Amino acid sequence: MTEHEHQHDTHPDIIKRLKRAEGHLKSVIAMIEASRPCLDIAQQLQAVEKAITNAKRTLIQDHLDHCLEDTVGSLGREQRQTIDEFKTITKYL
């Protein structure tokens, strides 16, 4: 397997989200160094946390949708139902 086999359509979007989170995190550090109010800092930290969580969720769901599909694609309909339900339930993580 080469590195390129793990490239999916969502990866550029995930990279953008993570770079945005990186910028927000740098802002949080600057806010702390500048003795900004804790409420402002907490709000920015929440934004960073949400961005990272969304990036992780997108990555995992994309992996399940594409990589798992390659493995189970040839299974019968009844066997696929369990896998399809698993993929659906992960969207609630």
N, C-alpha and C. Protein backbone atom coordinates (compact mmCIF):
# COMPACT_ATOMS: atom_id res chain seq x y z
N MET A 1 0.83 -1.19 0.00
CA MET A 1 0.00 0.00 0.00
C MET A 1 0.87 1.25 0.00
N THR A 2 0.53 2.16 -0.83
CA THR A 2 1.27 3.40 -0.85
C THR A 2 0.50 4.45 -0.08
N GLU A 3 1.19 5.52 0.22
CA GLU A 3 0.60 6.62 0.98
C GLU A 3 -0.60 7.21 0.24
N HIS A 4 -0.58 7.24 -1.07
CA HIS A 4 -1.63 7.86 -1.85
C HIS A 4 -2.95 7.09 -1.81
N GLU A 5 -2.90 5.83 -1.47
CA GLU A 5 -4.12 5.04 -1.41
C GLU A 5 -5.02 5.49 -0.27
N HIS A 6 -4.50 6.24 0.65
CA HIS A 6 -5.29 6.71 1.78
C HIS A 6 -5.75 8.16 1.59
N GLN A 7 -5.67 8.67 0.41
CA GLN A 7 -6.14 10.03 0.11
C GLN A 7 -7.61 9.97 -0.27
N HIS A 8 -8.42 10.74 0.43
CA HIS A 8 -9.85 10.76 0.15
C HIS A 8 -10.28 12.19 -0.17
N ASP A 9 -11.45 12.32 -0.75
CA ASP A 9 -11.96 13.63 -1.14
C ASP A 9 -12.10 14.59 0.03
N THR A 10 -12.32 14.08 1.22
CA THR A 10 -12.51 14.95 2.39
C THR A 10 -11.21 15.44 2.99
N HIS A 11 -10.09 14.88 2.62
CA HIS A 11 -8.82 15.26 3.24
C HIS A 11 -8.48 16.74 3.10
N PRO A 12 -8.67 17.36 1.93
CA PRO A 12 -8.39 18.80 1.85
C PRO A 12 -9.25 19.63 2.82
N ASP A 13 -10.51 19.24 2.98
CA ASP A 13 -11.38 19.94 3.92
C ASP A 13 -10.90 19.74 5.35
N ILE A 14 -10.47 18.53 5.67
CA ILE A 14 -9.96 18.25 7.02
C ILE A 14 -8.71 19.08 7.28
N ILE A 15 -7.85 19.18 6.30
CA ILE A 15 -6.63 19.99 6.45
C ILE A 15 -6.99 21.45 6.70
N LYS A 16 -7.94 21.97 5.96
CA LYS A 16 -8.38 23.36 6.17
C LYS A 16 -8.90 23.56 7.58
N ARG A 17 -9.72 22.63 8.06
CA ARG A 17 -10.27 22.72 9.42
C ARG A 17 -9.16 22.72 10.46
N LEU A 18 -8.21 21.82 10.29
CA LEU A 18 -7.12 21.72 11.26
C LEU A 18 -6.21 22.95 11.23
N LYS A 19 -5.98 23.50 10.05
CA LYS A 19 -5.18 24.72 9.97
C LYS A 19 -5.91 25.89 10.61
N ARG A 20 -7.22 25.94 10.45
CA ARG A 20 -8.03 26.97 11.10
C ARG A 20 -7.95 26.80 12.61
N ALA A 21 -8.06 25.57 13.08
CA ALA A 21 -7.95 25.29 14.52
C ALA A 21 -6.57 25.67 15.03
N GLU A 22 -5.55 25.41 14.24
CA GLU A 22 -4.18 25.78 14.62
C GLU A 22 -4.08 27.29 14.80
N GLY A 23 -4.67 28.05 13.90
CA GLY A 23 -4.66 29.50 14.01
C GLY A 23 -5.39 29.98 15.25
N HIS A 24 -6.55 29.36 15.53
CA HIS A 24 -7.31 29.71 16.73
C HIS A 24 -6.52 29.38 18.00
N LEU A 25 -5.83 28.26 17.98
CA LEU A 25 -5.05 27.87 19.15
C LEU A 25 -3.91 28.86 19.41
N LYS A 26 -3.28 29.31 18.34
CA LYS A 26 -2.24 30.34 18.50
C LYS A 26 -2.83 31.61 19.09
N SER A 27 -4.05 31.93 18.67
CA SER A 27 -4.74 33.09 19.23
C SER A 27 -5.02 32.92 20.72
N VAL A 28 -5.40 31.72 21.10
CA VAL A 28 -5.67 31.44 22.51
C VAL A 28 -4.40 31.65 23.33
N ILE A 29 -3.30 31.16 22.85
CA ILE A 29 -2.03 31.33 23.56
C ILE A 29 -1.72 32.81 23.71
N ALA A 30 -1.90 33.57 22.64
CA ALA A 30 -1.65 35.02 22.70
C ALA A 30 -2.61 35.70 23.68
N MET A 31 -3.85 35.24 23.73
CA MET A 31 -4.83 35.81 24.65
C MET A 31 -4.41 35.57 26.10
N ILE A 32 -3.93 34.36 26.37
CA ILE A 32 -3.48 34.05 27.73
C ILE A 32 -2.28 34.91 28.09
N GLU A 33 -1.34 35.02 27.17
CA GLU A 33 -0.14 35.84 27.41
C GLU A 33 -0.50 37.31 27.61
N ALA A 34 -1.59 37.77 26.99
CA ALA A 34 -2.03 39.16 27.11
C ALA A 34 -2.99 39.36 28.28
N SER A 35 -3.20 38.31 29.08
CA SER A 35 -4.08 38.37 30.26
C SER A 35 -5.51 38.76 29.90
N ARG A 36 -6.00 38.21 28.80
CA ARG A 36 -7.38 38.47 28.39
C ARG A 36 -8.33 37.77 29.35
N PRO A 37 -9.59 38.20 29.39
CA PRO A 37 -10.56 37.58 30.29
C PRO A 37 -10.74 36.08 30.03
N CYS A 38 -10.92 35.33 31.10
CA CYS A 38 -11.05 33.87 31.01
C CYS A 38 -12.25 33.47 30.15
N LEU A 39 -13.32 34.22 30.20
CA LEU A 39 -14.50 33.89 29.39
C LEU A 39 -14.15 33.93 27.90
N ASP A 40 -13.43 34.95 27.48
CA ASP A 40 -13.02 35.05 26.08
C ASP A 40 -12.13 33.88 25.68
N ILE A 41 -11.21 33.52 26.57
CA ILE A 41 -10.28 32.42 26.30
C ILE A 41 -11.05 31.10 26.21
N ALA A 42 -11.97 30.90 27.14
CA ALA A 42 -12.76 29.65 27.14
C ALA A 42 -13.58 29.53 25.87
N GLN A 43 -14.14 30.63 25.40
CA GLN A 43 -14.93 30.60 24.16
C GLN A 43 -14.05 30.20 22.97
N GLN A 44 -12.84 30.75 22.93
CA GLN A 44 -11.94 30.40 21.83
C GLN A 44 -11.49 28.94 21.92
N LEU A 45 -11.25 28.48 23.14
CA LEU A 45 -10.87 27.07 23.31
C LEU A 45 -11.99 26.14 22.88
N GLN A 46 -13.22 26.54 23.14
CA GLN A 46 -14.37 25.75 22.70
C GLN A 46 -14.40 25.66 21.17
N ALA A 47 -14.09 26.75 20.51
CA ALA A 47 -14.06 26.76 19.04
C ALA A 47 -12.96 25.84 18.52
N VAL A 48 -11.80 25.84 19.16
CA VAL A 48 -10.70 24.97 18.76
C VAL A 48 -11.11 23.51 18.95
N GLU A 49 -11.68 23.22 20.10
CA GLU A 49 -12.10 21.86 20.40
C GLU A 49 -13.14 21.36 19.40
N LYS A 50 -14.10 22.20 19.07
CA LYS A 50 -15.14 21.83 18.11
C LYS A 50 -14.56 21.57 16.72
N ALA A 51 -13.64 22.41 16.30
CA ALA A 51 -13.01 22.24 14.99
C ALA A 51 -12.25 20.92 14.91
N ILE A 52 -11.53 20.58 15.96
CA ILE A 52 -10.77 19.33 15.96
C ILE A 52 -11.70 18.13 16.02
N THR A 53 -12.74 18.21 16.82
CA THR A 53 -13.72 17.13 16.91
C THR A 53 -14.39 16.90 15.56
N ASN A 54 -14.76 17.97 14.88
CA ASN A 54 -15.40 17.83 13.56
C ASN A 54 -14.44 17.24 12.53
N ALA A 55 -13.18 17.64 12.59
CA ALA A 55 -12.18 17.08 11.67
C ALA A 55 -12.01 15.59 11.92
N LYS A 56 -11.94 15.20 13.20
CA LYS A 56 -11.79 13.79 13.54
C LYS A 56 -13.01 12.99 13.10
N ARG A 57 -14.19 13.51 13.33
CA ARG A 57 -15.42 12.82 12.94
C ARG A 57 -15.47 12.62 11.43
N THR A 58 -15.13 13.66 10.69
CA THR A 58 -15.13 13.56 9.23
C THR A 58 -14.13 12.52 8.75
N LEU A 59 -12.95 12.50 9.34
CA LEU A 59 -11.92 11.54 8.96
C LEU A 59 -12.38 10.10 9.22
N ILE A 60 -12.95 9.86 10.39
CA ILE A 60 -13.39 8.51 10.75
C ILE A 60 -14.54 8.07 9.86
N GLN A 61 -15.52 8.94 9.65
CA GLN A 61 -16.66 8.56 8.80
C GLN A 61 -16.22 8.32 7.37
N ASP A 62 -15.31 9.13 6.87
CA ASP A 62 -14.80 8.93 5.52
C ASP A 62 -14.08 7.60 5.41
N HIS A 63 -13.29 7.28 6.44
CA HIS A 63 -12.58 6.01 6.44
C HIS A 63 -13.56 4.84 6.41
N LEU A 64 -14.58 4.92 7.25
CA LEU A 64 -15.59 3.86 7.27
C LEU A 64 -16.32 3.75 5.94
N ASP A 65 -16.69 4.89 5.39
CA ASP A 65 -17.44 4.88 4.14
C ASP A 65 -16.63 4.32 2.98
N HIS A 66 -15.34 4.59 2.94
CA HIS A 66 -14.55 4.17 1.78
C HIS A 66 -13.72 2.91 2.03
N CYS A 67 -12.95 2.91 3.09
CA CYS A 67 -12.05 1.77 3.32
C CYS A 67 -12.81 0.52 3.73
N LEU A 68 -13.80 0.69 4.59
CA LEU A 68 -14.59 -0.46 5.00
C LEU A 68 -15.41 -0.98 3.81
N GLU A 69 -15.86 -0.09 2.99
CA GLU A 69 -16.65 -0.48 1.81
C GLU A 69 -15.84 -1.39 0.90
N ASP A 70 -14.55 -1.12 0.76
CA ASP A 70 -13.69 -1.97 -0.07
C ASP A 70 -13.64 -3.40 0.47
N THR A 71 -13.69 -3.53 1.78
CA THR A 71 -13.59 -4.84 2.41
C THR A 71 -14.90 -5.60 2.35
N VAL A 72 -16.02 -4.92 2.57
CA VAL A 72 -17.30 -5.62 2.67
C VAL A 72 -18.15 -5.52 1.41
N GLY A 73 -17.66 -4.88 0.41
CA GLY A 73 -18.44 -4.66 -0.80
C GLY A 73 -19.03 -5.90 -1.42
N SER A 74 -18.36 -7.04 -1.26
CA SER A 74 -18.84 -8.26 -1.91
C SER A 74 -19.74 -9.11 -1.01
N LEU A 75 -20.02 -8.65 0.19
CA LEU A 75 -20.90 -9.41 1.09
C LEU A 75 -22.34 -9.37 0.60
N GLY A 76 -23.10 -10.36 1.04
CA GLY A 76 -24.52 -10.41 0.70
C GLY A 76 -25.30 -9.33 1.42
N ARG A 77 -26.51 -9.12 0.97
CA ARG A 77 -27.35 -8.03 1.49
C ARG A 77 -27.57 -8.14 3.01
N GLU A 78 -27.87 -9.31 3.49
CA GLU A 78 -28.13 -9.51 4.92
C GLU A 78 -26.88 -9.22 5.76
N GLN A 79 -25.74 -9.67 5.28
CA GLN A 79 -24.47 -9.43 5.98
C GLN A 79 -24.10 -7.95 5.95
N ARG A 80 -24.41 -7.29 4.85
CA ARG A 80 -24.08 -5.87 4.70
C ARG A 80 -24.92 -5.00 5.64
N GLN A 81 -26.12 -5.45 5.98
CA GLN A 81 -27.02 -4.64 6.80
C GLN A 81 -26.36 -4.28 8.13
N THR A 82 -25.69 -5.22 8.76
CA THR A 82 -25.02 -4.96 10.03
C THR A 82 -23.90 -3.93 9.85
N ILE A 83 -23.15 -4.06 8.79
CA ILE A 83 -22.07 -3.11 8.51
C ILE A 83 -22.65 -1.73 8.22
N ASP A 84 -23.70 -1.67 7.44
CA ASP A 84 -24.33 -0.39 7.11
C ASP A 84 -24.88 0.29 8.37
N GLU A 85 -25.46 -0.51 9.28
CA GLU A 85 -25.95 0.05 10.53
C GLU A 85 -24.80 0.58 11.38
N PHE A 86 -23.69 -0.13 11.39
CA PHE A 86 -22.51 0.32 12.12
C PHE A 86 -22.02 1.67 11.57
N LYS A 87 -21.94 1.76 10.26
CA LYS A 87 -21.49 3.01 9.64
C LYS A 87 -22.44 4.16 9.99
N THR A 88 -23.74 3.88 10.02
CA THR A 88 -24.73 4.92 10.33
C THR A 88 -24.60 5.36 11.78
N ILE A 89 -24.46 4.43 12.70
CA ILE A 89 -24.43 4.79 14.12
C ILE A 89 -23.19 5.61 14.49
N THR A 90 -22.11 5.45 13.74
CA THR A 90 -20.91 6.22 14.06
C THR A 90 -21.11 7.71 13.83
N LYS A 91 -22.11 8.08 13.08
CA LYS A 91 -22.38 9.50 12.84
C LYS A 91 -22.88 10.19 14.11
N TYR A 92 -23.27 9.41 15.11
CA TYR A 92 -23.75 9.96 16.36
C TYR A 92 -22.64 10.09 17.41
N LEU A 93 -21.43 9.72 17.07
CA LEU A 93 -20.30 9.86 18.00
C LEU A 93 -19.95 11.31 18.22
